[in-house]
Amino acid sequence: MPTTRVRAELLKGNTSALILTVLSEGPLHGYAIARKIEVLSENLLSLNEGSLYPTLHSLENDGAVTAAWERAGGRPRKCYRITAKGRRQVAELAKEWREFAGAVNQVLGVARDGPA
């Protein structure tokens, strides 16, 4: 199991994509979203409250997610659900990420293999 966490700078631009991807599997409250990202990434990715909730509020304001208060375990929690707009947005973000990661891998491959 990996022990190094991803630097915050790398995570910042991808927080929306991670949240929307997790929500595409079903509605969750904030803590559960953060925990699921940690589990799926084998603890390499960790969202703190300072980045999770502002991103969720931004996604809600943009219409990518909806939120409603629900009672879970006796206390109210805000539960987030992805919308059709959010599904389109995550598909586009995933495509952009694949293109970006491919380009970075190409450059890193050149550096690893030496100049042509």
Protein backbone atom coordinates (compact mmCIF):
# COMPACT_ATOMS: atom_id res chain seq x y z
CA MET A 1 0.00 0.00 0.00
CA PRO A 2 1.40 3.44 -0.92
CA THR A 3 2.40 5.67 1.98
CA THR A 4 3.04 9.01 0.26
CA ARG A 5 0.17 11.44 -0.17
CA VAL A 6 -0.23 13.53 -3.29
CA ARG A 7 0.85 17.13 -2.88
CA ALA A 8 -1.97 19.60 -2.40
CA GLU A 9 -1.07 21.53 -5.56
CA LEU A 10 -1.76 18.46 -7.69
CA LEU A 11 -5.08 17.83 -5.98
CA LYS A 12 -6.46 21.39 -6.19
CA GLY A 13 -7.35 21.43 -9.87
CA ASN A 14 -8.94 17.99 -9.72
CA THR A 15 -11.12 18.19 -6.62
CA SER A 16 -14.34 18.74 -8.59
CA ALA A 17 -13.67 15.74 -10.82
CA LEU A 18 -12.97 13.51 -7.83
CA ILE A 19 -16.11 14.61 -5.97
CA LEU A 20 -18.35 14.28 -9.03
CA THR A 21 -16.93 10.84 -9.83
CA VAL A 22 -17.63 9.58 -6.32
CA LEU A 23 -21.14 11.07 -6.38
CA SER A 24 -21.84 9.42 -9.73
CA GLU A 25 -22.03 6.15 -7.76
CA GLY A 26 -24.72 7.51 -5.43
CA PRO A 27 -25.58 10.28 -2.96
CA LEU A 28 -23.27 10.88 0.01
CA HIS A 29 -22.67 13.40 2.77
CA GLY A 30 -19.42 15.38 2.89
CA TYR A 31 -17.42 13.17 5.24
CA ALA A 32 -18.38 10.06 3.26
CA ILE A 33 -17.25 11.73 0.02
CA ALA A 34 -13.83 12.50 1.50
CA ARG A 35 -13.50 9.04 3.00
CA LYS A 36 -14.47 7.28 -0.25
CA ILE A 37 -11.83 9.27 -2.18
CA GLU A 38 -9.25 8.20 0.40
CA VAL A 39 -10.28 4.55 0.18
CA LEU A 40 -10.40 4.47 -3.63
CA SER A 41 -6.97 6.13 -3.86
CA GLU A 42 -5.48 3.84 -1.22
CA ASN A 43 -4.94 6.89 1.02
CA LEU A 44 -2.93 8.82 -1.57
CA LEU A 45 -5.63 11.49 -1.93
CA SER A 46 -7.06 13.27 1.08
CA LEU A 47 -9.52 16.16 1.02
CA ASN A 48 -9.74 18.34 4.09
CA GLU A 49 -12.82 20.38 5.01
CA GLY A 50 -11.16 23.55 3.73
CA SER A 51 -11.15 22.22 0.18
CA LEU A 52 -14.07 19.76 0.24
CA TYR A 53 -16.92 22.02 1.34
CA PRO A 54 -16.05 25.08 -0.76
CA THR A 55 -15.86 22.80 -3.80
CA LEU A 56 -19.19 21.17 -2.94
CA HIS A 57 -20.80 24.62 -2.54
CA SER A 58 -19.35 25.73 -5.87
CA LEU A 59 -20.64 22.58 -7.58
CA GLU A 60 -24.05 23.17 -6.00
CA ASN A 61 -24.12 26.81 -7.15
CA ASP A 62 -23.12 25.67 -10.65
CA GLY A 63 -25.94 23.11 -10.76
CA ALA A 64 -23.61 20.09 -10.92
CA VAL A 65 -24.89 18.75 -7.59
CA THR A 66 -27.94 19.18 -5.41
CA ALA A 67 -27.97 19.03 -1.64
CA ALA A 68 -30.64 18.29 0.92
CA TRP A 69 -30.60 17.84 4.67
CA GLU A 70 -31.29 14.26 5.74
CA ARG A 71 -31.29 12.46 9.06
CA ALA A 72 -28.63 9.77 9.28
CA GLY A 73 -27.87 8.12 12.58
CA GLY A 74 -30.07 10.55 14.48
CA ARG A 75 -28.44 13.77 13.33
CA PRO A 76 -29.05 15.88 10.24
CA ARG A 77 -26.44 15.80 7.51
CA LYS A 78 -26.33 17.49 4.15
CA CYS A 79 -26.47 14.83 1.44
CA TYR A 80 -25.15 15.59 -2.05
CA ARG A 81 -26.40 14.15 -5.35
CA ILE A 82 -24.95 14.57 -8.82
CA THR A 83 -27.21 16.12 -11.47
CA ALA A 84 -27.34 15.51 -15.22
CA LYS A 85 -25.20 18.62 -15.64
CA GLY A 86 -22.71 17.19 -13.16
CA ARG A 87 -22.55 13.91 -15.10
CA ARG A 88 -21.74 15.81 -18.29
CA GLN A 89 -19.18 17.89 -16.42
CA VAL A 90 -17.39 14.86 -14.92
CA ALA A 91 -17.22 13.20 -18.34
CA GLU A 92 -15.53 16.32 -19.75
CA LEU A 93 -13.20 16.64 -16.77
CA ALA A 94 -12.20 12.98 -17.10
CA LYS A 95 -11.43 13.47 -20.79
CA GLU A 96 -9.34 16.57 -20.03
CA TRP A 97 -7.48 14.66 -17.31
CA ARG A 98 -6.66 11.72 -19.59
CA GLU A 99 -5.28 14.11 -22.23
CA PHE A 100 -3.27 16.06 -19.65
CA ALA A 101 -1.91 12.93 -17.94
CA GLY A 102 -0.96 11.46 -21.31
CA ALA A 103 0.94 14.59 -22.25
CA VAL A 104 2.76 14.70 -18.90
CA ASN A 105 3.61 11.00 -19.20
CA GLN A 106 5.03 11.63 -22.67
CA VAL A 107 7.28 14.39 -21.37
CA LEU A 108 8.35 12.37 -18.34
CA GLY A 109 9.04 9.42 -20.62
CA VAL A 110 11.40 11.54 -22.71
CA ALA A 111 13.23 12.65 -19.59
CA ARG A 112 13.45 9.03 -18.37
CA ASP A 113 14.57 7.57 -21.70
CA GLY A 114 16.91 10.43 -22.57
CA PRO A 115 16.81 12.75 -25.59
CA ALA A 116 15.91 11.29 -28.99
